Protein backbone atom coordinates (compact mmCIF):
# COMPACT_ATOMS: atom_id res chain seq x y z
CA MET A 1 -8.26 -42.05 7.62
CA ARG A 2 -11.92 -43.01 8.17
CA ARG A 3 -14.55 -41.33 6.07
CA THR A 4 -18.15 -40.84 6.82
CA PRO A 5 -20.30 -42.47 4.25
CA ASP A 6 -22.66 -40.08 2.44
CA ALA A 7 -25.26 -40.06 -0.38
CA THR A 8 -23.32 -37.83 -2.84
CA ALA A 9 -22.81 -38.91 -6.37
CA ASP A 10 -19.07 -39.70 -5.85
CA SER A 11 -20.03 -42.07 -3.05
CA LEU A 12 -20.10 -45.22 -5.33
CA PRO A 13 -16.50 -46.21 -4.54
CA LEU A 14 -17.22 -45.96 -0.82
CA LEU A 15 -20.38 -48.13 -1.45
CA ARG A 16 -18.08 -50.87 -2.79
CA GLU A 17 -15.77 -50.39 0.15
CA LEU A 18 -18.66 -50.54 2.55
CA CYS A 19 -19.88 -53.71 0.97
CA ASP A 20 -16.48 -55.32 1.26
CA GLN A 21 -16.38 -54.33 4.83
CA GLN A 22 -19.89 -55.57 5.64
CA PHE A 23 -18.85 -58.91 4.31
CA TRP A 24 -15.74 -58.91 6.57
CA LEU A 25 -18.06 -58.07 9.44
CA PHE A 26 -20.45 -60.94 8.64
CA GLY A 27 -17.45 -63.32 8.87
CA ARG A 28 -16.41 -61.83 12.23
CA ASP A 29 -20.09 -62.30 13.36
CA ILE A 30 -19.94 -66.02 12.44
CA TYR A 31 -16.87 -66.67 14.47
CA ARG A 32 -17.84 -64.53 17.53
CA GLN A 33 -16.57 -66.12 20.72
CA SER A 34 -20.08 -66.24 22.36
CA GLY A 35 -21.91 -67.60 19.36
CA ASN A 36 -22.63 -67.07 15.74
CA LEU A 37 -24.57 -63.87 15.43
CA LEU A 38 -26.01 -64.75 11.99
CA VAL A 39 -27.64 -67.79 13.55
CA GLU A 40 -28.85 -65.83 16.41
CA ALA A 41 -30.45 -63.27 13.96
CA GLY A 42 -32.39 -66.26 12.54
CA PHE A 43 -30.25 -67.35 9.69
CA GLU A 44 -30.05 -71.07 8.99
CA ARG A 45 -26.62 -72.36 8.16
CA ARG A 46 -26.37 -74.77 5.11
CA ARG A 47 -23.33 -76.77 3.90
CA PHE A 48 -23.15 -78.22 0.57
CA GLY A 49 -20.11 -80.35 0.80
CA LEU A 50 -16.34 -80.07 0.58
CA GLY A 51 -15.11 -77.34 -1.61
CA ARG A 52 -18.56 -75.47 -1.69
CA PRO A 53 -19.08 -72.25 0.33
CA THR A 54 -21.38 -72.36 3.42
CA GLN A 55 -24.68 -70.58 2.87
CA TYR A 56 -26.77 -68.71 5.39
CA VAL A 57 -30.52 -68.44 4.71
CA PHE A 58 -32.98 -66.15 6.19
CA GLU A 59 -36.77 -66.07 5.43
CA GLY A 60 -38.28 -62.77 6.64
CA ARG A 61 -41.45 -60.85 6.28
CA GLY A 62 -41.79 -60.31 2.49
CA SER A 63 -38.21 -61.27 1.59
CA SER A 64 -35.67 -64.07 1.89
CA ILE A 65 -31.94 -63.75 1.88
CA SER A 66 -29.06 -66.04 0.89
CA LEU A 67 -25.65 -65.01 2.07
CA TRP A 68 -22.20 -66.34 1.17
CA GLY A 69 -18.74 -64.97 1.76
CA PHE A 70 -18.81 -63.66 -1.89
CA GLY A 71 -22.27 -62.27 -2.09
CA PHE A 72 -25.73 -61.62 -0.92
CA HIS A 73 -29.04 -62.74 -2.75
CA TRP A 74 -32.16 -60.87 -1.89
CA ILE A 75 -35.62 -61.84 -3.03
CA GLY A 76 -38.50 -59.35 -2.38
CA HIS A 77 -41.49 -61.66 -2.55
CA ASP A 78 -43.96 -58.91 -2.26
CA ARG A 79 -42.60 -57.40 -5.61
CA GLY A 80 -41.51 -60.61 -7.26
CA GLN A 81 -38.03 -59.28 -7.78
CA ALA A 82 -34.59 -60.20 -6.83
CA ILE A 83 -31.11 -58.80 -6.68
CA PHE A 84 -27.63 -60.24 -6.12
CA VAL A 85 -25.09 -58.07 -4.47
CA SER A 86 -21.33 -59.18 -4.77
CA ARG A 87 -18.93 -58.63 -2.01
CA ASP A 88 -17.27 -55.64 -3.93
CA GLY A 89 -20.57 -53.88 -3.93
CA ALA A 90 -21.55 -54.45 -7.48
CA PHE A 91 -25.31 -54.79 -7.71
CA VAL A 92 -24.76 -57.38 -10.44
CA GLU A 93 -27.97 -58.80 -11.43
CA SER A 94 -31.55 -58.15 -10.84
CA GLY A 95 -34.96 -59.53 -12.17
CA ALA A 96 -37.45 -62.11 -11.54
CA PRO A 97 -36.39 -64.62 -8.76
CA ALA A 98 -36.99 -67.65 -10.95
CA VAL A 99 -34.42 -66.30 -13.54
CA LEU A 100 -31.81 -65.73 -10.90
CA ALA A 101 -32.54 -69.02 -9.06
CA VAL A 102 -31.33 -71.22 -12.06
CA ARG A 103 -27.99 -69.44 -12.14
CA ASP A 104 -25.11 -70.67 -9.92
CA PRO A 105 -24.38 -67.52 -7.94
CA TRP A 106 -20.74 -67.86 -7.90
CA VAL A 107 -20.62 -67.69 -11.80
CA VAL A 108 -22.71 -64.56 -12.23
CA GLY A 109 -20.71 -62.01 -14.21
CA ARG A 110 -20.07 -58.62 -12.72
CA ARG A 111 -22.64 -56.29 -14.44
CA LEU A 112 -23.83 -53.19 -12.83
CA ARG A 113 -27.46 -53.25 -13.98
CA LEU A 114 -29.61 -50.99 -11.86
CA GLY A 115 -31.40 -49.34 -14.79
CA GLY A 116 -35.09 -49.19 -13.53
CA GLU A 117 -36.94 -47.96 -10.69
CA ALA A 118 -37.65 -51.55 -9.30
CA ASP A 119 -33.92 -52.12 -9.45
CA ARG A 120 -33.09 -49.01 -7.45
CA LEU A 121 -35.85 -49.56 -4.88
CA LEU A 122 -34.47 -53.17 -4.34
CA ALA A 123 -30.97 -51.84 -3.94
CA SER A 124 -32.52 -49.27 -1.41
CA GLU A 125 -34.04 -52.19 0.48
CA VAL A 126 -30.83 -54.13 0.61
CA CYS A 127 -28.90 -51.11 2.00
CA GLY A 128 -31.74 -50.57 4.44
CA TRP A 129 -31.52 -54.26 5.57
CA PHE A 130 -27.75 -53.91 6.15
CA ALA A 131 -28.43 -50.81 8.27
CA SER A 132 -31.08 -52.57 10.28
CA TYR A 133 -28.70 -55.67 10.75
CA GLU A 134 -25.92 -53.47 11.98
CA ALA A 135 -28.26 -51.70 14.35
CA TRP A 136 -29.36 -55.13 15.72
CA VAL A 137 -25.70 -56.18 16.12
CA ALA A 138 -24.84 -53.12 18.13
CA GLU A 139 -27.94 -53.76 20.37
CA THR A 140 -27.37 -57.47 20.70
CA ALA A 141 -23.58 -57.81 20.90
CA GLY A 142 -22.73 -54.29 22.07
CA PRO A 143 -20.70 -51.56 20.22
CA GLU A 144 -17.39 -53.08 21.44
CA HIS A 145 -18.01 -56.18 19.26
CA ARG A 146 -17.92 -53.99 16.03
CA ALA A 147 -14.80 -52.30 17.17
CA GLU A 148 -13.19 -55.55 17.82
CA ALA A 149 -14.35 -56.93 14.45
CA LEU A 150 -12.86 -54.12 12.56
CA GLU A 151 -9.34 -54.86 14.23
CA GLY A 152 -7.16 -56.49 11.45
CA TRP A 153 -9.24 -54.66 8.77
CA THR A 154 -8.61 -51.21 7.12
CA PRO A 155 -12.26 -49.84 7.67
CA CYS A 156 -13.82 -47.37 5.25
CA CYS A 157 -15.78 -46.10 8.18
CA GLY A 158 -15.68 -46.76 11.86
CA ALA A 159 -17.85 -49.18 13.83
CA GLY A 160 -20.28 -46.40 14.65
CA GLN A 161 -20.63 -45.15 11.04
CA THR A 162 -21.94 -48.38 9.38
CA VAL A 163 -25.63 -47.75 10.06
CA PRO A 164 -25.58 -44.17 9.00
CA GLY A 165 -23.54 -45.23 5.90
CA TRP A 166 -26.01 -47.96 4.78
CA ASN A 167 -28.98 -45.61 5.54
CA ALA A 168 -27.34 -42.87 3.38
CA HIS A 169 -27.00 -45.40 0.46
CA SER A 170 -30.47 -46.64 0.97
CA ARG A 171 -31.80 -43.07 0.68
CA ARG A 172 -29.49 -42.41 -2.29
CA PHE A 173 -30.92 -45.30 -4.30
CA ARG A 174 -34.58 -44.48 -3.23
CA ASP A 175 -34.03 -40.79 -4.28
CA LEU A 176 -32.42 -41.96 -7.61
CA SER A 177 -35.46 -44.03 -8.18
CA HIS A 178 -37.94 -41.17 -7.63
CA ALA A 179 -35.81 -38.56 -9.70
CA VAL A 180 -35.84 -41.04 -12.63
CA GLU A 181 -39.64 -41.67 -12.20
CA SER A 182 -40.46 -37.98 -11.98
CA GLY A 183 -37.70 -36.79 -14.51
């Protein structure tokens, strides 16, 4: 049964499921019959040799993104902060980009560390970016692409619910940030 993602306190397991589903969808976007959607969205594909995962890199306004099948690394240049999100939805590491850059991303341990306002705001930005990407995919490839991409997967939510789901989590992290700040 599909659930609609929401921003309630008990939605963390759904956040993890939504992250896992999102990485599945990125994979489907790469292998789309009419061309790689990540490349079409402006990502550069980088290969580092046999046995190493392919990396997709995007340089945007105020941020840069590195994407692998196992995780997503976001650097917010305007704030000088970075966050790594594993496929299972654990926002595992945040801090200054220089600190994270020296680590091999596939050996970072799984630690949920979103203790400060800046961490939660970064998590909110990442969830917002996922929502924007999904909206772009629907506009670019059509809603049928997402429906087809979810075939063979047990979705936590339907194709039309990924944008509202990511937006709900973005608001949740932003609201938590403000609640901690004012509380």
